[in-house]
Amino acid sequence: MQQFTYTITDPIGLHARPAGLLVRAARALDSTVTIRRGDRSVSAVELMNLMSMGVRQGEQVTVTIEGGDEEASRRAMEQFFQENL
């Protein structure tokens, strides 16, 4: 299991456009990606659940990667978050 914490910098937060891109990026991996904010966790491939989390600018999420090539998947997700959120 690989994990990292990220503080959302996008002024609008985790809204439709980056959430859709996140789903696409997570589906391309051979690992399972989970996003957690507080006590709520959702799969990174479930668009509506991601958007319903209501993650705003300045809030932290924890990204967990399990299975497959976890190290490569973690690096890909970290890069995605830095570039899009």
PDB file of N, CA and C in Angstrom:
ATOM      1  N   MET A   1       0.845  -1.178   0.000  1.00  0.00           N
ATOM      2  CA  MET A   1       0.000   0.000   0.000  1.00  0.00           C
ATOM      3  C   MET A   1       0.891   1.242   0.000  1.00  0.00           C
ATOM      4  N   GLN A   2       0.568   2.177  -0.875  1.00  0.00           N
ATOM      5  CA  GLN A   2       1.247   3.465  -0.948  1.00  0.00           C
ATOM      6  C   GLN A   2       0.216   4.537  -0.598  1.00  0.00           C
ATOM      7  N   GLN A   3       0.700   5.644  -0.034  1.00  0.00           N
ATOM      8  CA  GLN A   3      -0.224   6.690   0.400  1.00  0.00           C
ATOM      9  C   GLN A   3       0.472   8.046   0.367  1.00  0.00           C
ATOM     10  N   PHE A   4      -0.297   9.088   0.066  1.00  0.00           N
ATOM     11  CA  PHE A   4       0.223  10.441   0.201  1.00  0.00           C
ATOM     12  C   PHE A   4      -0.932  11.371   0.539  1.00  0.00           C
ATOM     13  N   THR A   5      -0.584  12.497   1.130  1.00  0.00           N
ATOM     14  CA  THR A   5      -1.568  13.515   1.492  1.00  0.00           C
ATOM     15  C   THR A   5      -1.332  14.720   0.596  1.00  0.00           C
ATOM     16  N   TYR A   6      -2.432  15.325   0.150  1.00  0.00           N
ATOM     17  CA  TYR A   6      -2.333  16.469  -0.752  1.00  0.00           C
ATOM     18  C   TYR A   6      -3.319  17.544  -0.317  1.00  0.00           C
ATOM     19  N   THR A   7      -2.875  18.793  -0.330  1.00  0.00           N
ATOM     20  CA  THR A   7      -3.746  19.927  -0.030  1.00  0.00           C
ATOM     21  C   THR A   7      -4.226  20.509  -1.353  1.00  0.00           C
ATOM     22  N   ILE A   8      -5.524  20.566  -1.536  1.00  0.00           N
ATOM     23  CA  ILE A   8      -6.134  21.050  -2.777  1.00  0.00           C
ATOM     24  C   ILE A   8      -5.824  22.538  -2.948  1.00  0.00           C
ATOM     25  N   THR A   9      -5.275  22.896  -4.115  1.00  0.00           N
ATOM     26  CA  THR A   9      -4.938  24.291  -4.390  1.00  0.00           C
ATOM     27  C   THR A   9      -5.875  24.933  -5.406  1.00  0.00           C
ATOM     28  N   ASP A  10      -6.641  24.131  -6.134  1.00  0.00           N
ATOM     29  CA  ASP A  10      -7.572  24.674  -7.127  1.00  0.00           C
ATOM     30  C   ASP A  10      -8.594  25.557  -6.412  1.00  0.00           C
ATOM     31  N   PRO A  11      -8.794  26.791  -6.872  1.00  0.00           N
ATOM     32  CA  PRO A  11      -9.721  27.712  -6.200  1.00  0.00           C
ATOM     33  C   PRO A  11     -11.154  27.181  -6.077  1.00  0.00           C
ATOM     34  N   ILE A  12     -11.545  26.296  -6.978  1.00  0.00           N
ATOM     35  CA  ILE A  12     -12.912  25.759  -6.941  1.00  0.00           C
ATOM     36  C   ILE A  12     -12.957  24.414  -6.216  1.00  0.00           C
ATOM     37  N   GLY A  13     -11.821  23.828  -5.941  1.00  0.00           N
ATOM     38  CA  GLY A  13     -11.777  22.547  -5.253  1.00  0.00           C
ATOM     39  C   GLY A  13     -11.894  21.392  -6.231  1.00  0.00           C
ATOM     40  N   LEU A  14     -12.349  20.265  -5.734  1.00  0.00           N
ATOM     41  CA  LEU A  14     -12.497  19.053  -6.548  1.00  0.00           C
ATOM     42  C   LEU A  14     -13.852  19.106  -7.245  1.00  0.00           C
ATOM     43  N   HIS A  15     -13.920  19.866  -8.333  1.00  0.00           N
ATOM     44  CA  HIS A  15     -15.173  20.055  -9.061  1.00  0.00           C
ATOM     45  C   HIS A  15     -15.205  19.138 -10.281  1.00  0.00           C
ATOM     46  N   ALA A  16     -16.205  19.285 -11.121  1.00  0.00           N
ATOM     47  CA  ALA A  16     -16.500  18.338 -12.200  1.00  0.00           C
ATOM     48  C   ALA A  16     -15.325  18.071 -13.147  1.00  0.00           C
ATOM     49  N   ARG A  17     -14.688  19.116 -13.658  1.00  0.00           N
ATOM     50  CA  ARG A  17     -13.632  18.897 -14.651  1.00  0.00           C
ATOM     51  C   ARG A  17     -12.472  18.079 -14.084  1.00  0.00           C
ATOM     52  N   PRO A  18     -11.839  18.511 -12.969  1.00  0.00           N
ATOM     53  CA  PRO A  18     -10.723  17.706 -12.471  1.00  0.00           C
ATOM     54  C   PRO A  18     -11.175  16.356 -11.921  1.00  0.00           C
ATOM     55  N   ALA A  19     -12.395  16.273 -11.415  1.00  0.00           N
ATOM     56  CA  ALA A  19     -12.881  14.973 -10.931  1.00  0.00           C
ATOM     57  C   ALA A  19     -12.995  13.996 -12.093  1.00  0.00           C
ATOM     58  N   GLY A  20     -13.493  14.464 -13.230  1.00  0.00           N
ATOM     59  CA  GLY A  20     -13.582  13.613 -14.419  1.00  0.00           C
ATOM     60  C   GLY A  20     -12.210  13.181 -14.903  1.00  0.00           C
ATOM     61  N   LEU A  21     -11.261  14.102 -14.878  1.00  0.00           N
ATOM     62  CA  LEU A  21      -9.887  13.770 -15.264  1.00  0.00           C
ATOM     63  C   LEU A  21      -9.274  12.771 -14.283  1.00  0.00           C
ATOM     64  N   LEU A  22      -9.580  12.932 -12.999  1.00  0.00           N
ATOM     65  CA  LEU A  22      -9.079  12.010 -11.973  1.00  0.00           C
ATOM     66  C   LEU A  22      -9.613  10.600 -12.209  1.00  0.00           C
ATOM     67  N   VAL A  23     -10.898  10.494 -12.505  1.00  0.00           N
ATOM     68  CA  VAL A  23     -11.494   9.180 -12.790  1.00  0.00           C
ATOM     69  C   VAL A  23     -10.764   8.529 -13.959  1.00  0.00           C
ATOM     70  N   ARG A  24     -10.542   9.282 -15.010  1.00  0.00           N
ATOM     71  CA  ARG A  24      -9.865   8.747 -16.202  1.00  0.00           C
ATOM     72  C   ARG A  24      -8.439   8.306 -15.848  1.00  0.00           C
ATOM     73  N   ALA A  25      -7.727   9.122 -15.091  1.00  0.00           N
ATOM     74  CA  ALA A  25      -6.350   8.788 -14.718  1.00  0.00           C
ATOM     75  C   ALA A  25      -6.304   7.549 -13.827  1.00  0.00           C
ATOM     76  N   ALA A  26      -7.237   7.453 -12.880  1.00  0.00           N
ATOM     77  CA  ALA A  26      -7.261   6.301 -11.963  1.00  0.00           C
ATOM     78  C   ALA A  26      -7.618   5.014 -12.703  1.00  0.00           C
ATOM     79  N   ARG A  27      -8.524   5.109 -13.668  1.00  0.00           N
ATOM     80  CA  ARG A  27      -8.907   3.920 -14.444  1.00  0.00           C
ATOM     81  C   ARG A  27      -7.753   3.406 -15.295  1.00  0.00           C
ATOM     82  N   ALA A  28      -6.832   4.273 -15.671  1.00  0.00           N
ATOM     83  CA  ALA A  28      -5.703   3.876 -16.512  1.00  0.00           C
ATOM     84  C   ALA A  28      -4.641   3.099 -15.728  1.00  0.00           C
ATOM     85  N   LEU A  29      -4.718   3.113 -14.413  1.00  0.00           N
ATOM     86  CA  LEU A  29      -3.730   2.436 -13.575  1.00  0.00           C
ATOM     87  C   LEU A  29      -4.133   0.996 -13.321  1.00  0.00           C
ATOM     88  N   ASP A  30      -3.145   0.176 -12.981  1.00  0.00           N
ATOM     89  CA  ASP A  30      -3.460  -1.207 -12.605  1.00  0.00           C
ATOM     90  C   ASP A  30      -3.597  -1.355 -11.094  1.00  0.00           C
ATOM     91  N   SER A  31      -3.685  -0.239 -10.395  1.00  0.00           N
ATOM     92  CA  SER A  31      -3.862  -0.221  -8.940  1.00  0.00           C
ATOM     93  C   SER A  31      -5.235   0.340  -8.600  1.00  0.00           C
ATOM     94  N   THR A  32      -5.688   0.070  -7.390  1.00  0.00           N
ATOM     95  CA  THR A  32      -6.923   0.639  -6.873  1.00  0.00           C
ATOM     96  C   THR A  32      -6.580   1.925  -6.129  1.00  0.00           C
ATOM     97  N   VAL A  33      -7.276   3.013  -6.467  1.00  0.00           N
ATOM     98  CA  VAL A  33      -6.997   4.314  -5.865  1.00  0.00           C
ATOM     99  C   VAL A  33      -8.209   4.750  -5.053  1.00  0.00           C
ATOM    100  N   THR A  34      -7.971   5.129  -3.807  1.00  0.00           N
ATOM    101  CA  THR A  34      -9.024   5.589  -2.912  1.00  0.00           C
ATOM    102  C   THR A  34      -8.669   6.986  -2.417  1.00  0.00           C
ATOM    103  N   ILE A  35      -9.681   7.862  -2.375  1.00  0.00           N
ATOM    104  CA  ILE A  35      -9.501   9.230  -1.896  1.00  0.00           C
ATOM    105  C   ILE A  35     -10.241   9.354  -0.565  1.00  0.00           C
ATOM    106  N   ARG A  36      -9.545   9.868   0.468  1.00  0.00           N
ATOM    107  CA  ARG A  36     -10.178  10.025   1.790  1.00  0.00           C
ATOM    108  C   ARG A  36     -10.070  11.480   2.233  1.00  0.00           C
ATOM    109  N   ARG A  37     -11.176  11.977   2.725  1.00  0.00           N
ATOM    110  CA  ARG A  37     -11.230  13.301   3.367  1.00  0.00           C
ATOM    111  C   ARG A  37     -11.961  13.100   4.683  1.00  0.00           C
ATOM    112  N   GLY A  38     -11.280  13.376   5.772  1.00  0.00           N
ATOM    113  CA  GLY A  38     -11.887  13.129   7.081  1.00  0.00           C
ATOM    114  C   GLY A  38     -12.151  11.653   7.262  1.00  0.00           C
ATOM    115  N   ASP A  39     -13.390  11.309   7.613  1.00  0.00           N
ATOM    116  CA  ASP A  39     -13.736   9.904   7.831  1.00  0.00           C
ATOM    117  C   ASP A  39     -14.430   9.271   6.629  1.00  0.00           C
ATOM    118  N   ARG A  40     -14.456   9.977   5.499  1.00  0.00           N
ATOM    119  CA  ARG A  40     -15.129   9.468   4.305  1.00  0.00           C
ATOM    120  C   ARG A  40     -14.121   9.096   3.230  1.00  0.00           C
ATOM    121  N   SER A  41     -14.256   7.885   2.689  1.00  0.00           N
ATOM    122  CA  SER A  41     -13.394   7.404   1.613  1.00  0.00           C
ATOM    123  C   SER A  41     -14.242   6.999   0.423  1.00  0.00           C
ATOM    124  N   VAL A  42     -13.744   7.316  -0.775  1.00  0.00           N
ATOM    125  CA  VAL A  42     -14.433   6.897  -1.996  1.00  0.00           C
ATOM    126  C   VAL A  42     -13.403   6.408  -3.005  1.00  0.00           C
ATOM    127  N   SER A  43     -13.863   5.560  -3.903  1.00  0.00           N
ATOM    128  CA  SER A  43     -13.026   5.097  -4.994  1.00  0.00           C
ATOM    129  C   SER A  43     -12.784   6.242  -5.960  1.00  0.00           C
ATOM    130  N   ALA A  44     -11.570   6.332  -6.474  1.00  0.00           N
ATOM    131  CA  ALA A  44     -11.231   7.405  -7.410  1.00  0.00           C
ATOM    132  C   ALA A  44     -11.831   7.188  -8.790  1.00  0.00           C
ATOM    133  N   VAL A  45     -12.507   6.081  -9.016  1.00  0.00           N
ATOM    134  CA  VAL A  45     -13.134   5.844 -10.320  1.00  0.00           C
ATOM    135  C   VAL A  45     -14.640   6.091 -10.288  1.00  0.00           C
ATOM    136  N   GLU A  46     -15.150   6.638  -9.184  1.00  0.00           N
ATOM    137  CA  GLU A  46     -16.590   6.897  -9.042  1.00  0.00           C
ATOM    138  C   GLU A  46     -16.831   8.405  -9.025  1.00  0.00           C
ATOM    139  N   LEU A  47     -17.114   8.961 -10.205  1.00  0.00           N
ATOM    140  CA  LEU A  47     -17.229  10.402 -10.394  1.00  0.00           C
ATOM    141  C   LEU A  47     -18.208  11.060  -9.430  1.00  0.00           C
ATOM    142  N   MET A  48     -19.402  10.572  -9.337  1.00  0.00           N
ATOM    143  CA  MET A  48     -20.416  11.213  -8.495  1.00  0.00           C
ATOM    144  C   MET A  48     -20.020  11.180  -7.018  1.00  0.00           C
ATOM    145  N   ASN A  49     -19.427  10.078  -6.577  1.00  0.00           N
ATOM    146  CA  ASN A  49     -18.981   9.999  -5.186  1.00  0.00           C
ATOM    147  C   ASN A  49     -17.848  10.982  -4.905  1.00  0.00           C
ATOM    148  N   LEU A  50     -16.927  11.129  -5.867  1.00  0.00           N
ATOM    149  CA  LEU A  50     -15.842  12.109  -5.707  1.00  0.00           C
ATOM    150  C   LEU A  50     -16.401  13.510  -5.560  1.00  0.00           C
ATOM    151  N   MET A  51     -17.319  13.866  -6.447  1.00  0.00           N
ATOM    152  CA  MET A  51     -17.880  15.211  -6.422  1.00  0.00           C
ATOM    153  C   MET A  51     -18.712  15.451  -5.170  1.00  0.00           C
ATOM    154  N   SER A  52     -19.372  14.414  -4.680  1.00  0.00           N
ATOM    155  CA  SER A  52     -20.222  14.575  -3.493  1.00  0.00           C
ATOM    156  C   SER A  52     -19.410  14.766  -2.211  1.00  0.00           C
ATOM    157  N   MET A  53     -18.110  14.547  -2.263  1.00  0.00           N
ATOM    158  CA  MET A  53     -17.265  14.765  -1.084  1.00  0.00           C
ATOM    159  C   MET A  53     -17.164  16.252  -0.746  1.00  0.00           C
ATOM    160  N   GLY A  54     -17.344  17.114  -1.750  1.00  0.00           N
ATOM    161  CA  GLY A  54     -17.314  18.551  -1.503  1.00  0.00           C
ATOM    162  C   GLY A  54     -15.961  19.070  -1.059  1.00  0.00           C
ATOM    163  N   VAL A  55     -14.885  18.550  -1.627  1.00  0.00           N
ATOM    164  CA  VAL A  55     -13.535  18.963  -1.247  1.00  0.00           C
ATOM    165  C   VAL A  55     -13.262  20.358  -1.799  1.00  0.00           C
ATOM    166  N   ARG A  56     -12.855  21.269  -0.920  1.00  0.00           N
ATOM    167  CA  ARG A  56     -12.623  22.658  -1.299  1.00  0.00           C
ATOM    168  C   ARG A  56     -11.146  23.013  -1.232  1.00  0.00           C
ATOM    169  N   GLN A  57     -10.829  24.164  -1.792  1.00  0.00           N
ATOM    170  CA  GLN A  57      -9.453  24.656  -1.756  1.00  0.00           C
ATOM    171  C   GLN A  57      -8.969  24.724  -0.302  1.00  0.00           C
ATOM    172  N   GLY A  58      -7.745  24.284  -0.075  1.00  0.00           N
ATOM    173  CA  GLY A  58      -7.145  24.325   1.254  1.00  0.00           C
ATOM    174  C   GLY A  58      -7.394  23.077   2.083  1.00  0.00           C
ATOM    175  N   GLU A  59      -8.293  22.212   1.649  1.00  0.00           N
ATOM    176  CA  GLU A  59      -8.561  20.980   2.391  1.00  0.00           C
ATOM    177  C   GLU A  59      -7.596  19.885   1.948  1.00  0.00           C
ATOM    178  N   GLN A  60      -7.306  18.984   2.874  1.00  0.00           N
ATOM    179  CA  GLN A  60      -6.404  17.884   2.591  1.00  0.00           C
ATOM    180  C   GLN A  60      -7.170  16.616   2.284  1.00  0.00           C
ATOM    181  N   VAL A  61      -6.637  15.861   1.332  1.00  0.00           N
ATOM    182  CA  VAL A  61      -7.150  14.523   1.042  1.00  0.00           C
ATOM    183  C   VAL A  61      -5.980  13.558   1.172  1.00  0.00           C
ATOM    184  N   THR A  62      -6.295  12.326   1.506  1.00  0.00           N
ATOM    185  CA  THR A  62      -5.297  11.272   1.542  1.00  0.00           C
ATOM    186  C   THR A  62      -5.606  10.319   0.405  1.00  0.00           C
ATOM    187  N   VAL A  63      -4.602  10.053  -0.403  1.00  0.00           N
ATOM    188  CA  VAL A  63      -4.741   9.177  -1.555  1.00  0.00           C
ATOM    189  C   VAL A  63      -4.040   7.866  -1.224  1.00  0.00           C
ATOM    190  N   THR A  64      -4.777   6.765  -1.350  1.00  0.00           N
ATOM    191  CA  THR A  64      -4.241   5.437  -1.064  1.00  0.00           C
ATOM    192  C   THR A  64      -4.239   4.624  -2.344  1.00  0.00           C
ATOM    193  N   ILE A  65      -3.131   3.967  -2.611  1.00  0.00           N
ATOM    194  CA  ILE A  65      -2.971   3.149  -3.801  1.00  0.00           C
ATOM    195  C   ILE A  65      -2.646   1.736  -3.358  1.00  0.00           C
ATOM    196  N   GLU A  66      -3.407   0.777  -3.869  1.00  0.00           N
ATOM    197  CA  GLU A  66      -3.187  -0.616  -3.494  1.00  0.00           C
ATOM    198  C   GLU A  66      -3.202  -1.509  -4.726  1.00  0.00           C
ATOM    199  N   GLY A  67      -2.334  -2.516  -4.719  1.00  0.00           N
ATOM    200  CA  GLY A  67      -2.300  -3.497  -5.790  1.00  0.00           C
ATOM    201  C   GLY A  67      -1.554  -3.002  -7.020  1.00  0.00           C
ATOM    202  N   GLY A  68      -1.230  -3.929  -7.902  1.00  0.00           N
ATOM    203  CA  GLY A  68      -0.532  -3.575  -9.129  1.00  0.00           C
ATOM    204  C   GLY A  68       0.835  -2.990  -8.830  1.00  0.00           C
ATOM    205  N   ASP A  69       1.276  -2.092  -9.677  1.00  0.00           N
ATOM    206  CA  ASP A  69       2.554  -1.402  -9.477  1.00  0.00           C
ATOM    207  C   ASP A  69       2.289  -0.155  -8.637  1.00  0.00           C
ATOM    208  N   GLU A  70       2.258  -0.332  -7.337  1.00  0.00           N
ATOM    209  CA  GLU A  70       1.871   0.744  -6.416  1.00  0.00           C
ATOM    210  C   GLU A  70       2.791   1.953  -6.502  1.00  0.00           C
ATOM    211  N   GLU A  71       4.076   1.727  -6.624  1.00  0.00           N
ATOM    212  CA  GLU A  71       5.028   2.839  -6.661  1.00  0.00           C
ATOM    213  C   GLU A  71       4.803   3.710  -7.898  1.00  0.00           C
ATOM    214  N   ALA A  72       4.691   3.090  -9.059  1.00  0.00           N
ATOM    215  CA  ALA A  72       4.453   3.848 -10.298  1.00  0.00           C
ATOM    216  C   ALA A  72       3.086   4.537 -10.252  1.00  0.00           C
ATOM    217  N   SER A  73       2.098   3.866  -9.706  1.00  0.00           N
ATOM    218  CA  SER A  73       0.755   4.450  -9.604  1.00  0.00           C
ATOM    219  C   SER A  73       0.747   5.639  -8.654  1.00  0.00           C
ATOM    220  N   ARG A  74       1.484   5.542  -7.546  1.00  0.00           N
ATOM    221  CA  ARG A  74       1.571   6.667  -6.613  1.00  0.00           C
ATOM    222  C   ARG A  74       2.213   7.874  -7.283  1.00  0.00           C
ATOM    223  N   ARG A  75       3.305   7.633  -7.987  1.00  0.00           N
ATOM    224  CA  ARG A  75       3.970   8.737  -8.685  1.00  0.00           C
ATOM    225  C   ARG A  75       3.034   9.386  -9.707  1.00  0.00           C
ATOM    226  N   ALA A  76       2.295   8.577 -10.439  1.00  0.00           N
ATOM    227  CA  ALA A  76       1.355   9.103 -11.437  1.00  0.00           C
ATOM    228  C   ALA A  76       0.257   9.922 -10.768  1.00  0.00           C
ATOM    229  N   MET A  77      -0.256   9.442  -9.639  1.00  0.00           N
ATOM    230  CA  MET A  77      -1.322  10.176  -8.944  1.00  0.00           C
ATOM    231  C   MET A  77      -0.786  11.462  -8.326  1.00  0.00           C
ATOM    232  N   GLU A  78       0.404  11.432  -7.760  1.00  0.00           N
ATOM    233  CA  GLU A  78       0.990  12.660  -7.210  1.00  0.00           C
ATOM    234  C   GLU A  78       1.166  13.710  -8.304  1.00  0.00           C
ATOM    235  N   GLN A  79       1.655  13.275  -9.443  1.00  0.00           N
ATOM    236  CA  GLN A  79       1.825  14.206 -10.560  1.00  0.00           C
ATOM    237  C   GLN A  79       0.475  14.753 -11.013  1.00  0.00           C
ATOM    238  N   PHE A  80      -0.526  13.879 -11.101  1.00  0.00           N
ATOM    239  CA  PHE A  80      -1.861  14.325 -11.501  1.00  0.00           C
ATOM    240  C   PHE A  80      -2.384  15.398 -10.537  1.00  0.00           C
ATOM    241  N   PHE A  81      -2.301  15.148  -9.245  1.00  0.00           N
ATOM    242  CA  PHE A  81      -2.801  16.109  -8.255  1.00  0.00           C
ATOM    243  C   PHE A  81      -2.064  17.436  -8.367  1.00  0.00           C
ATOM    244  N   GLN A  82      -0.744  17.398  -8.508  1.00  0.00           N
ATOM    245  CA  GLN A  82       0.041  18.630  -8.604  1.00  0.00           C
ATOM    246  C   GLN A  82      -0.323  19.425  -9.850  1.00  0.00           C
ATOM    247  N   GLU A  83      -0.627  18.771 -10.936  1.00  0.00           N
ATOM    248  CA  GLU A  83      -0.919  19.446 -12.193  1.00  0.00           C
ATOM    249  C   GLU A  83      -2.385  19.894 -12.315  1.00  0.00           C
ATOM    250  N   ASN A  84      -3.298  19.227 -11.601  1.00  0.00           N
ATOM    251  CA  ASN A  84      -4.730  19.469 -11.829  1.00  0.00           C
ATOM    252  C   ASN A  84      -5.520  19.934 -10.614  1.00  0.00           C
ATOM    253  N   LEU A  85      -4.990  19.776  -9.426  1.00  0.00           N
ATOM    254  CA  LEU A  85      -5.765  20.119  -8.243  1.00  0.00           C
ATOM    255  C   LEU A  85      -4.953  20.964  -7.272  1.00  0.00           C
TER     256      LEU A  85
END
